[in-house]
Amino acid sequence: MPPQSIPFTEARTVENPILERLRTLELGWRNYDQKELDFVEEGGGRFDGFELKWSGGSARGAKAFLPWYPESSVEVIEPGNVWDFAGVKGGNP
């Protein structure tokens, strides 16, 4: 089941674990071929990439990112795993 949407006006006033998680990440990565990741997190001498795919599609940026940073990982965030990404156990809070 997709996560419940929060109206924009409430998103600024209510604790939103997805937004809180996104605020901890650096914005994007892009190579010369215009392949990109939405967010990157640095820690422990490695980079971890995150690609948000809300309505499917190919995560081409993930395939382009890993050869440049072989010790890193890429996670595709979709409606089915967004709460895990936000650190919320058991789904929608």
N, C-alpha and C. Protein backbone atom coordinates (compact mmCIF):
# COMPACT_ATOMS: atom_id res chain seq x y z
N MET A 1 0.85 -1.18 0.00
CA MET A 1 0.00 0.00 0.00
C MET A 1 0.89 1.24 0.00
N PRO A 2 0.63 2.22 -0.88
CA PRO A 2 1.44 3.44 -0.91
C PRO A 2 1.29 4.23 0.38
N PRO A 3 2.31 4.99 0.74
CA PRO A 3 2.22 5.79 1.96
C PRO A 3 1.13 6.84 1.85
N GLN A 4 0.57 7.17 2.99
CA GLN A 4 -0.46 8.20 3.05
C GLN A 4 0.18 9.55 2.76
N SER A 5 -0.45 10.34 1.92
CA SER A 5 0.12 11.64 1.60
C SER A 5 -0.22 12.63 2.71
N ILE A 6 0.66 13.58 2.90
CA ILE A 6 0.47 14.63 3.90
C ILE A 6 0.34 15.94 3.15
N PRO A 7 -0.76 16.69 3.35
CA PRO A 7 -0.90 17.97 2.67
C PRO A 7 0.30 18.87 2.94
N PHE A 8 0.69 19.67 1.94
CA PHE A 8 1.88 20.50 2.06
C PHE A 8 1.87 21.37 3.30
N THR A 9 0.73 21.97 3.62
CA THR A 9 0.68 22.86 4.78
C THR A 9 0.95 22.10 6.07
N GLU A 10 0.53 20.85 6.15
CA GLU A 10 0.78 20.05 7.34
C GLU A 10 2.21 19.52 7.36
N ALA A 11 2.79 19.28 6.21
CA ALA A 11 4.14 18.71 6.15
C ALA A 11 5.15 19.61 6.84
N ARG A 12 4.87 20.89 6.87
CA ARG A 12 5.81 21.81 7.53
C ARG A 12 5.62 21.84 9.03
N THR A 13 4.48 21.40 9.54
CA THR A 13 4.21 21.51 10.97
C THR A 13 4.17 20.16 11.68
N VAL A 14 3.99 19.08 10.96
CA VAL A 14 3.89 17.76 11.55
C VAL A 14 5.23 17.06 11.37
N GLU A 15 5.61 16.26 12.36
CA GLU A 15 6.84 15.49 12.20
C GLU A 15 6.65 14.52 11.05
N ASN A 16 7.53 14.59 10.07
CA ASN A 16 7.44 13.75 8.89
C ASN A 16 8.77 13.00 8.76
N PRO A 17 8.80 11.70 9.09
CA PRO A 17 10.06 10.97 9.09
C PRO A 17 10.74 10.89 7.73
N ILE A 18 9.97 10.91 6.65
CA ILE A 18 10.59 10.86 5.32
C ILE A 18 11.34 12.16 5.06
N LEU A 19 10.71 13.30 5.33
CA LEU A 19 11.39 14.58 5.13
C LEU A 19 12.60 14.72 6.05
N GLU A 20 12.49 14.25 7.28
CA GLU A 20 13.63 14.33 8.20
C GLU A 20 14.81 13.52 7.67
N ARG A 21 14.56 12.36 7.12
CA ARG A 21 15.64 11.53 6.56
C ARG A 21 16.26 12.21 5.35
N LEU A 22 15.44 12.78 4.48
CA LEU A 22 15.97 13.45 3.29
C LEU A 22 16.82 14.65 3.65
N ARG A 23 16.51 15.33 4.75
CA ARG A 23 17.29 16.50 5.15
C ARG A 23 18.71 16.14 5.57
N THR A 24 18.96 14.89 5.92
CA THR A 24 20.30 14.48 6.33
C THR A 24 21.21 14.18 5.15
N LEU A 25 20.67 14.15 3.93
CA LEU A 25 21.44 13.73 2.76
C LEU A 25 21.90 14.91 1.93
N GLU A 26 22.99 14.69 1.21
CA GLU A 26 23.47 15.67 0.24
C GLU A 26 22.64 15.54 -1.02
N LEU A 27 22.41 16.64 -1.69
CA LEU A 27 21.64 16.60 -2.94
C LEU A 27 22.49 16.06 -4.07
N GLY A 28 21.94 15.15 -4.78
CA GLY A 28 22.34 14.63 -6.05
C GLY A 28 23.76 14.40 -6.47
N TRP A 29 23.88 13.63 -7.52
CA TRP A 29 25.11 13.32 -8.22
C TRP A 29 24.73 13.15 -9.68
N ARG A 30 25.58 13.65 -10.56
CA ARG A 30 25.32 13.52 -11.99
C ARG A 30 26.65 13.36 -12.71
N ASN A 31 26.68 12.49 -13.74
CA ASN A 31 27.89 12.34 -14.54
C ASN A 31 27.75 13.10 -15.85
N TYR A 32 28.75 13.00 -16.69
CA TYR A 32 28.75 13.73 -17.96
C TYR A 32 27.67 13.25 -18.93
N ASP A 33 27.22 12.02 -18.76
CA ASP A 33 26.18 11.48 -19.63
C ASP A 33 24.77 11.77 -19.10
N GLN A 34 24.68 12.64 -18.09
CA GLN A 34 23.41 13.05 -17.49
C GLN A 34 22.71 11.93 -16.71
N LYS A 35 23.45 10.90 -16.31
CA LYS A 35 22.91 9.89 -15.40
C LYS A 35 23.02 10.49 -14.01
N GLU A 36 21.99 10.28 -13.17
CA GLU A 36 22.00 10.95 -11.88
C GLU A 36 21.38 10.12 -10.77
N LEU A 37 21.74 10.48 -9.55
CA LEU A 37 21.10 9.98 -8.34
C LEU A 37 20.50 11.18 -7.63
N ASP A 38 19.41 10.96 -6.92
CA ASP A 38 18.73 12.07 -6.27
C ASP A 38 19.46 12.55 -5.01
N PHE A 39 19.99 11.61 -4.22
CA PHE A 39 20.66 11.97 -2.98
C PHE A 39 21.87 11.09 -2.77
N VAL A 40 22.87 11.62 -2.04
CA VAL A 40 24.07 10.88 -1.71
C VAL A 40 24.39 11.12 -0.24
N GLU A 41 24.81 10.07 0.44
CA GLU A 41 25.20 10.15 1.84
C GLU A 41 26.66 9.70 1.93
N GLU A 42 27.47 10.47 2.63
CA GLU A 42 28.88 10.12 2.81
C GLU A 42 29.11 9.69 4.24
N GLY A 43 29.88 8.63 4.41
CA GLY A 43 30.21 8.18 5.75
C GLY A 43 31.16 7.01 5.71
N GLY A 44 32.12 7.01 6.60
CA GLY A 44 33.06 5.90 6.69
C GLY A 44 33.89 5.69 5.44
N GLY A 45 34.20 6.77 4.72
CA GLY A 45 35.03 6.65 3.53
C GLY A 45 34.30 6.09 2.32
N ARG A 46 32.99 6.10 2.34
CA ARG A 46 32.22 5.60 1.21
C ARG A 46 31.02 6.51 0.97
N PHE A 47 30.43 6.34 -0.20
CA PHE A 47 29.23 7.09 -0.57
C PHE A 47 28.09 6.10 -0.78
N ASP A 48 26.93 6.45 -0.31
CA ASP A 48 25.73 5.66 -0.56
C ASP A 48 24.73 6.52 -1.29
N GLY A 49 24.28 6.04 -2.43
CA GLY A 49 23.35 6.80 -3.26
C GLY A 49 21.92 6.33 -3.07
N PHE A 50 21.00 7.26 -3.29
CA PHE A 50 19.57 6.97 -3.18
C PHE A 50 18.86 7.55 -4.39
N GLU A 51 18.09 6.72 -5.04
CA GLU A 51 17.30 7.13 -6.20
C GLU A 51 15.83 6.95 -5.85
N LEU A 52 15.04 8.01 -5.94
CA LEU A 52 13.61 7.94 -5.64
C LEU A 52 12.85 7.67 -6.92
N LYS A 53 12.11 6.58 -6.94
CA LYS A 53 11.31 6.18 -8.11
C LYS A 53 9.89 5.94 -7.63
N TRP A 54 9.07 6.95 -7.71
CA TRP A 54 7.71 6.84 -7.17
C TRP A 54 6.77 6.12 -8.11
N SER A 55 7.01 6.20 -9.40
CA SER A 55 6.09 5.55 -10.34
C SER A 55 6.85 4.63 -11.29
N GLY A 56 7.82 3.93 -10.78
CA GLY A 56 8.57 2.97 -11.60
C GLY A 56 9.61 3.64 -12.47
N GLY A 57 10.12 2.91 -13.40
CA GLY A 57 11.14 3.43 -14.28
C GLY A 57 12.50 2.86 -13.93
N SER A 58 13.44 3.13 -14.79
CA SER A 58 14.78 2.60 -14.65
C SER A 58 15.64 3.51 -13.77
N ALA A 59 16.46 2.89 -12.94
CA ALA A 59 17.40 3.63 -12.10
C ALA A 59 18.77 3.62 -12.80
N ARG A 60 18.84 4.29 -13.94
CA ARG A 60 20.08 4.30 -14.73
C ARG A 60 21.23 4.95 -13.99
N GLY A 61 20.93 5.90 -13.12
CA GLY A 61 21.98 6.55 -12.36
C GLY A 61 22.71 5.60 -11.44
N ALA A 62 22.00 4.62 -10.92
CA ALA A 62 22.63 3.64 -10.04
C ALA A 62 23.70 2.86 -10.77
N LYS A 63 23.41 2.46 -12.00
CA LYS A 63 24.39 1.69 -12.78
C LYS A 63 25.60 2.54 -13.15
N ALA A 64 25.41 3.83 -13.31
CA ALA A 64 26.51 4.72 -13.66
C ALA A 64 27.34 5.11 -12.44
N PHE A 65 26.73 5.16 -11.27
CA PHE A 65 27.39 5.60 -10.04
C PHE A 65 28.39 4.57 -9.52
N LEU A 66 27.99 3.31 -9.50
CA LEU A 66 28.80 2.28 -8.86
C LEU A 66 30.18 2.07 -9.47
N PRO A 67 30.39 2.15 -10.78
CA PRO A 67 31.77 2.02 -11.29
C PRO A 67 32.70 3.13 -10.79
N TRP A 68 32.16 4.31 -10.54
CA TRP A 68 32.98 5.41 -10.05
C TRP A 68 33.30 5.27 -8.57
N TYR A 69 32.40 4.64 -7.83
CA TYR A 69 32.55 4.49 -6.38
C TYR A 69 32.28 3.02 -6.01
N PRO A 70 33.23 2.13 -6.32
CA PRO A 70 32.99 0.68 -6.20
C PRO A 70 32.73 0.20 -4.77
N GLU A 71 33.16 0.91 -3.76
CA GLU A 71 32.92 0.48 -2.38
C GLU A 71 31.58 0.99 -1.86
N SER A 72 30.82 1.62 -2.72
CA SER A 72 29.57 2.26 -2.32
C SER A 72 28.36 1.39 -2.64
N SER A 73 27.20 1.91 -2.30
CA SER A 73 25.96 1.20 -2.61
C SER A 73 24.93 2.20 -3.12
N VAL A 74 23.91 1.69 -3.76
CA VAL A 74 22.80 2.51 -4.23
C VAL A 74 21.51 1.80 -3.84
N GLU A 75 20.59 2.56 -3.29
CA GLU A 75 19.28 2.02 -2.92
C GLU A 75 18.22 2.78 -3.70
N VAL A 76 17.32 2.04 -4.32
CA VAL A 76 16.19 2.64 -5.02
C VAL A 76 15.03 2.71 -4.04
N ILE A 77 14.53 3.91 -3.79
CA ILE A 77 13.44 4.13 -2.85
C ILE A 77 12.14 4.21 -3.63
N GLU A 78 11.22 3.31 -3.29
CA GLU A 78 9.92 3.21 -3.96
C GLU A 78 8.84 3.23 -2.89
N PRO A 79 7.57 3.32 -3.28
CA PRO A 79 6.51 3.34 -2.27
C PRO A 79 6.56 2.15 -1.31
N GLY A 80 7.01 1.00 -1.78
CA GLY A 80 7.05 -0.19 -0.92
C GLY A 80 8.12 -0.19 0.14
N ASN A 81 9.16 0.64 0.01
CA ASN A 81 10.23 0.64 1.00
C ASN A 81 10.54 2.02 1.57
N VAL A 82 9.69 3.01 1.31
CA VAL A 82 9.98 4.37 1.76
C VAL A 82 9.98 4.49 3.27
N TRP A 83 9.15 3.73 3.96
CA TRP A 83 9.13 3.83 5.43
C TRP A 83 10.37 3.19 6.03
N ASP A 84 10.88 2.13 5.43
CA ASP A 84 12.14 1.55 5.89
C ASP A 84 13.27 2.57 5.73
N PHE A 85 13.29 3.24 4.58
CA PHE A 85 14.28 4.28 4.31
C PHE A 85 14.22 5.38 5.38
N ALA A 86 13.01 5.72 5.81
CA ALA A 86 12.82 6.78 6.81
C ALA A 86 13.10 6.28 8.23
N GLY A 87 13.32 4.99 8.40
CA GLY A 87 13.59 4.46 9.72
C GLY A 87 12.34 4.19 10.54
N VAL A 88 11.19 4.08 9.88
CA VAL A 88 9.94 3.82 10.56
C VAL A 88 9.65 2.32 10.46
N LYS A 89 9.65 1.66 11.59
CA LYS A 89 9.38 0.21 11.61
C LYS A 89 7.88 -0.04 11.50
N GLY A 90 7.50 -0.97 10.68
CA GLY A 90 6.10 -1.35 10.56
C GLY A 90 5.28 -0.48 9.63
N GLY A 91 5.92 0.39 8.89
CA GLY A 91 5.19 1.17 7.89
C GLY A 91 4.75 2.54 8.38
N ASN A 92 3.71 3.05 7.77
CA ASN A 92 3.20 4.40 8.01
C ASN A 92 2.99 4.67 9.50
N PRO A 93 3.59 5.74 10.04
CA PRO A 93 3.44 6.03 11.47
C PRO A 93 2.02 6.42 11.84
